[in-house]
Structures are given as C-alpha cells and as structure tokens.
Amino acid sequence: MMGLTDKFAPFIFICGHGSQTQNNAYASSMDCGACGAHPGMSNARILATILNQKPVRLQLAQRGISIPAQTLFMAA
C-alpha cells in the first residue's frame, strides 16, 4: 500500500506521526487519520514488527515482494 516493493535499503524506518495542540477545536484532525485520529506510533511499531518476521517475508516473496534478509524495519 506504500509502494515499497523493491530496492530495499538496509534500514527502513516506519514513522508514526501525531501532534500536540492546545485550544484547537480541530486538534484530532492533525493526528493520523488512518489511526482513528490518534498518534500513529503504535501502528508504526506493529508494522515494523510484522515486516521483520521471517514467515511474513516468505509470504511476501511468494507474491513477488522479496525483502533482503539484511533489511531491518524500525519504528520511529
């Protein structure tokens, strides 16, 4: 879904984002929409953990997405 299907770097950072605001009626719109208007750090951690698992990489390879063994996904 991110378009990352080849040419993997040794380190790939999955970045969650959010914001802190005060006195803003629209504050939740500044957080991650995919995360239900919450900061996205927990989603970044979960995705990095999933993508580092060997069984997941094997399934992706069967679908044409080969992630090199030395590639490490990290949450930021």
C-alpha atoms as a PDB file:
ATOM      1  CA  MET A   1       0.000   0.000   0.000  1.00  0.00           C
ATOM      2  CA  MET A   2       3.013   2.299   0.387  1.00  0.00           C
ATOM      3  CA  GLY A   3       4.506   1.400  -2.990  1.00  0.00           C
ATOM      4  CA  LEU A   4       7.591  -0.120  -1.352  1.00  0.00           C
ATOM      5  CA  THR A   5       8.065  -3.315  -3.361  1.00  0.00           C
ATOM      6  CA  ASP A   6      11.731  -3.426  -4.373  1.00  0.00           C
ATOM      7  CA  LYS A   7      15.169  -1.814  -3.909  1.00  0.00           C
ATOM      8  CA  PHE A   8      15.013  -2.169  -0.120  1.00  0.00           C
ATOM      9  CA  ALA A   9      17.592  -0.271   1.934  1.00  0.00           C
ATOM     10  CA  PRO A  10      19.379  -1.989   4.836  1.00  0.00           C
ATOM     11  CA  PHE A  11      17.332   0.093   7.312  1.00  0.00           C
ATOM     12  CA  ILE A  12      13.747   1.196   6.717  1.00  0.00           C
ATOM     13  CA  PHE A  13      12.073   3.497   9.218  1.00  0.00           C
ATOM     14  CA  ILE A  14       8.282   3.382   9.582  1.00  0.00           C
ATOM     15  CA  CYS A  15       7.344   6.751  11.029  1.00  0.00           C
ATOM     16  CA  GLY A  16       4.241   7.334  13.103  1.00  0.00           C
ATOM     17  CA  HIS A  17       3.106  10.904  13.442  1.00  0.00           C
ATOM     18  CA  GLY A  18       0.855  12.983  15.607  1.00  0.00           C
ATOM     19  CA  SER A  19       0.651  16.417  17.098  1.00  0.00           C
ATOM     20  CA  GLN A  20       0.069  18.233  20.333  1.00  0.00           C
ATOM     21  CA  THR A  21      -2.159  21.267  20.288  1.00  0.00           C
ATOM     22  CA  GLN A  22      -3.995  23.363  22.837  1.00  0.00           C
ATOM     23  CA  ASN A  23      -7.239  25.274  22.427  1.00  0.00           C
ATOM     24  CA  ASN A  24      -7.836  23.885  18.953  1.00  0.00           C
ATOM     25  CA  ALA A  25     -11.268  22.537  18.111  1.00  0.00           C
ATOM     26  CA  TYR A  26      -9.742  20.657  15.159  1.00  0.00           C
ATOM     27  CA  ALA A  27      -6.839  19.103  17.084  1.00  0.00           C
ATOM     28  CA  SER A  28      -7.738  15.496  16.273  1.00  0.00           C
ATOM     29  CA  SER A  29      -7.524  16.238  12.542  1.00  0.00           C
ATOM     30  CA  MET A  30      -3.805  16.881  13.000  1.00  0.00           C
ATOM     31  CA  ASP A  31      -3.224  13.309  14.147  1.00  0.00           C
ATOM     32  CA  CYS A  32      -3.144  10.261  11.914  1.00  0.00           C
ATOM     33  CA  GLY A  33      -6.412   9.690  10.061  1.00  0.00           C
ATOM     34  CA  ALA A  34      -5.528   6.028   9.497  1.00  0.00           C
ATOM     35  CA  CYS A  35      -5.170   5.620  13.261  1.00  0.00           C
ATOM     36  CA  GLY A  36      -8.611   6.974  14.122  1.00  0.00           C
ATOM     37  CA  ALA A  37      -7.273  10.467  14.923  1.00  0.00           C
ATOM     38  CA  HIS A  38      -4.660   9.113  17.329  1.00  0.00           C
ATOM     39  CA  PRO A  39      -0.880   9.410  17.047  1.00  0.00           C
ATOM     40  CA  GLY A  40       0.425   6.663  14.742  1.00  0.00           C
ATOM     41  CA  MET A  41       3.417   5.415  16.777  1.00  0.00           C
ATOM     42  CA  SER A  42       1.792   2.150  17.857  1.00  0.00           C
ATOM     43  CA  ASN A  43       0.897   1.355  14.233  1.00  0.00           C
ATOM     44  CA  ALA A  44       4.491   2.047  13.198  1.00  0.00           C
ATOM     45  CA  ARG A  45       5.755  -0.347  15.889  1.00  0.00           C
ATOM     46  CA  ILE A  46       3.311  -3.070  14.890  1.00  0.00           C
ATOM     47  CA  LEU A  47       4.108  -2.783  11.166  1.00  0.00           C
ATOM     48  CA  ALA A  48       7.878  -2.847  11.787  1.00  0.00           C
ATOM     49  CA  THR A  49       7.472  -5.952  13.964  1.00  0.00           C
ATOM     50  CA  ILE A  50       5.327  -7.696  11.351  1.00  0.00           C
ATOM     51  CA  LEU A  51       7.695  -6.899   8.467  1.00  0.00           C
ATOM     52  CA  ASN A  52      10.708  -8.239  10.383  1.00  0.00           C
ATOM     53  CA  GLN A  53       9.132 -11.695  10.782  1.00  0.00           C
ATOM     54  CA  LYS A  54      10.519 -14.422   8.541  1.00  0.00           C
ATOM     55  CA  PRO A  55       7.118 -16.103   7.834  1.00  0.00           C
ATOM     56  CA  VAL A  56       5.710 -12.744   6.695  1.00  0.00           C
ATOM     57  CA  ARG A  57       8.667 -12.174   4.383  1.00  0.00           C
ATOM     58  CA  LEU A  58       8.240 -15.648   2.925  1.00  0.00           C
ATOM     59  CA  GLN A  59       4.575 -14.915   2.157  1.00  0.00           C
ATOM     60  CA  LEU A  60       5.508 -11.583   0.574  1.00  0.00           C
ATOM     61  CA  ALA A  61       8.200 -13.277  -1.534  1.00  0.00           C
ATOM     62  CA  GLN A  62       5.559 -15.664  -2.861  1.00  0.00           C
ATOM     63  CA  ARG A  63       3.659 -12.571  -4.002  1.00  0.00           C
ATOM     64  CA  GLY A  64       6.694 -11.069  -5.727  1.00  0.00           C
ATOM     65  CA  ILE A  65       7.998  -8.800  -2.954  1.00  0.00           C
ATOM     66  CA  SER A  66      11.418 -10.056  -1.850  1.00  0.00           C
ATOM     67  CA  ILE A  67      12.782  -8.281   1.209  1.00  0.00           C
ATOM     68  CA  PRO A  68      16.517  -8.965   1.683  1.00  0.00           C
ATOM     69  CA  ALA A  69      17.428 -10.821   4.871  1.00  0.00           C
ATOM     70  CA  GLN A  70      19.694  -7.928   5.945  1.00  0.00           C
ATOM     71  CA  THR A  71      16.869  -5.347   5.701  1.00  0.00           C
ATOM     72  CA  LEU A  72      15.629  -4.241   9.119  1.00  0.00           C
ATOM     73  CA  PHE A  73      12.383  -2.322   9.660  1.00  0.00           C
ATOM     74  CA  MET A  74      12.315   0.066  12.625  1.00  0.00           C
ATOM     75  CA  ALA A  75       9.606   2.266  14.113  1.00  0.00           C
ATOM     76  CA  ALA A  76      10.309   5.946  14.541  1.00  0.00           C
END
